[in-house]
Amino acid sequence: MKTKERAIAEKICPLEFAVNAISGKWKIPIVWRINEGEKRPSEFLRGIAKVDRRVLNQQLKELEEAGILSKKIFNELPPRVEYSLTPLGEGLVDVLWKLNDWGELLLRKTVEVTMN
């Protein structure tokens, strides 16, 4: 098993591995909405424009498999499912805030260039 892990570590840089974990059109908006308190798939459908339920479920599953989200299933009728951020997911939110700050700098620079 250690040989396999070493081979994976040698072939994929950490940044590439991280980007692969969050790549997908709706993954970052999903993480952001969960961070803001939304927990149920129906809330994501209302809050994220034009996302298909099937695609949403797939992206939620991938985020769960990556260890970014945890899923809690309630034994109720009708069935209820809620998602929350894991500690790994909370770390991602910190990174997203930094990326947001960088995006603001980039946006300002782009606006300055187009105005000159």
Protein backbone atom coordinates (compact mmCIF):
# COMPACT_ATOMS: atom_id res chain seq x y z
CA MET A 1 0.00 0.00 0.00
CA LYS A 2 2.81 2.45 0.79
CA THR A 3 4.27 1.91 -2.66
CA LYS A 4 0.95 2.93 -4.23
CA GLU A 5 0.70 6.01 -2.01
CA ARG A 6 4.26 7.02 -2.88
CA ALA A 7 3.55 6.58 -6.60
CA ILE A 8 0.47 8.80 -6.31
CA ALA A 9 2.44 11.45 -4.39
CA GLU A 10 5.19 11.46 -7.03
CA LYS A 11 2.78 11.86 -9.96
CA ILE A 12 0.42 14.54 -8.64
CA CYS A 13 1.53 17.77 -7.06
CA PRO A 14 -0.53 18.93 -4.05
CA LEU A 15 -1.92 21.94 -5.92
CA GLU A 16 -3.12 19.76 -8.78
CA PHE A 17 -4.68 17.35 -6.30
CA ALA A 18 -6.49 20.22 -4.53
CA VAL A 19 -7.78 21.75 -7.75
CA ASN A 20 -9.05 18.35 -8.89
CA ALA A 21 -10.98 17.98 -5.62
CA ILE A 22 -12.87 21.25 -6.12
CA SER A 23 -13.12 21.32 -9.90
CA GLY A 24 -16.67 21.26 -11.10
CA LYS A 25 -19.00 24.08 -11.98
CA TRP A 26 -21.02 23.96 -8.75
CA LYS A 27 -18.57 22.72 -6.07
CA ILE A 28 -17.32 26.09 -4.87
CA PRO A 29 -20.84 27.62 -4.75
CA ILE A 30 -22.00 24.53 -2.80
CA VAL A 31 -19.19 24.87 -0.25
CA TRP A 32 -19.84 28.60 0.03
CA ARG A 33 -23.58 28.09 0.66
CA ILE A 34 -22.94 25.43 3.30
CA ASN A 35 -20.54 27.82 4.99
CA GLU A 36 -23.33 30.41 5.03
CA GLY A 37 -25.68 27.99 6.80
CA GLU A 38 -27.56 26.17 4.06
CA LYS A 39 -27.52 22.44 4.63
CA ARG A 40 -30.17 20.76 2.49
CA PRO A 41 -30.05 19.98 -1.25
CA SER A 42 -33.37 21.78 -1.80
CA GLU A 43 -31.79 24.98 -0.41
CA PHE A 44 -28.92 24.66 -2.89
CA LEU A 45 -31.37 24.24 -5.77
CA ARG A 46 -33.06 27.51 -4.85
CA GLY A 47 -29.83 29.38 -4.17
CA ILE A 48 -27.66 28.28 -7.10
CA ALA A 49 -29.02 29.34 -10.46
CA LYS A 50 -29.56 26.73 -13.15
CA VAL A 51 -28.10 23.72 -11.31
CA ASP A 52 -29.75 20.42 -12.21
CA ARG A 53 -30.70 18.15 -9.27
CA ARG A 54 -28.77 15.21 -10.77
CA VAL A 55 -25.63 17.32 -11.23
CA LEU A 56 -26.01 18.79 -7.73
CA ASN A 57 -26.26 15.31 -6.20
CA GLN A 58 -23.18 14.16 -8.11
CA GLN A 59 -21.13 17.15 -6.99
CA LEU A 60 -22.28 16.71 -3.38
CA LYS A 61 -21.23 13.05 -3.55
CA GLU A 62 -17.80 13.99 -4.94
CA LEU A 63 -17.27 16.61 -2.22
CA GLU A 64 -18.24 14.02 0.38
CA GLU A 65 -15.84 11.45 -1.11
CA ALA A 66 -13.06 14.07 -1.04
CA GLY A 67 -13.67 14.58 2.68
CA ILE A 68 -14.81 18.19 2.27
CA LEU A 69 -18.44 17.56 3.28
CA SER A 70 -20.16 15.16 5.64
CA LYS A 71 -23.69 13.90 5.07
CA LYS A 72 -26.26 13.23 7.76
CA ILE A 73 -29.36 11.21 6.88
CA PHE A 74 -32.35 11.58 9.20
CA ASN A 75 -34.66 8.62 9.71
CA GLU A 76 -37.85 10.53 8.89
CA LEU A 77 -40.65 10.56 6.38
CA PRO A 78 -40.19 12.28 4.05
CA PRO A 79 -36.44 11.54 4.15
CA ARG A 80 -34.21 14.44 5.08
CA VAL A 81 -30.51 14.87 4.34
CA GLU A 82 -28.20 17.62 5.58
CA TYR A 83 -24.62 18.40 4.66
CA SER A 84 -21.97 20.12 6.74
CA LEU A 85 -18.35 21.07 6.30
CA THR A 86 -15.70 18.78 7.71
CA PRO A 87 -12.57 20.34 9.24
CA LEU A 88 -10.97 19.86 5.81
CA GLY A 89 -13.89 21.75 4.25
CA GLU A 90 -13.56 24.55 6.78
CA GLY A 91 -9.91 24.87 5.73
CA LEU A 92 -11.10 25.17 2.13
CA VAL A 93 -13.35 28.08 3.13
CA ASP A 94 -10.29 29.89 4.51
CA VAL A 95 -8.54 29.36 1.17
CA LEU A 96 -11.62 30.58 -0.72
CA TRP A 97 -11.61 33.82 1.30
CA LYS A 98 -8.00 34.39 0.28
CA LEU A 99 -8.84 33.59 -3.33
CA ASN A 100 -11.74 36.07 -3.11
CA ASP A 101 -9.33 38.78 -1.90
CA TRP A 102 -6.97 38.00 -4.78
CA GLY A 103 -9.92 38.13 -7.19
CA GLU A 104 -10.79 41.61 -5.94
CA LEU A 105 -7.21 42.77 -6.66
CA LEU A 106 -7.35 41.22 -10.11
CA LEU A 107 -10.72 42.84 -10.80
CA ARG A 108 -9.45 46.26 -9.74
CA LYS A 109 -6.39 45.90 -11.95
CA THR A 110 -8.53 44.85 -14.91
CA VAL A 111 -10.84 47.83 -14.41
CA GLU A 112 -7.87 50.20 -14.19
CA VAL A 113 -6.37 48.83 -17.40
CA THR A 114 -9.66 49.18 -19.31
CA MET A 115 -10.18 52.76 -18.06
CA ASN A 116 -6.73 53.93 -19.18
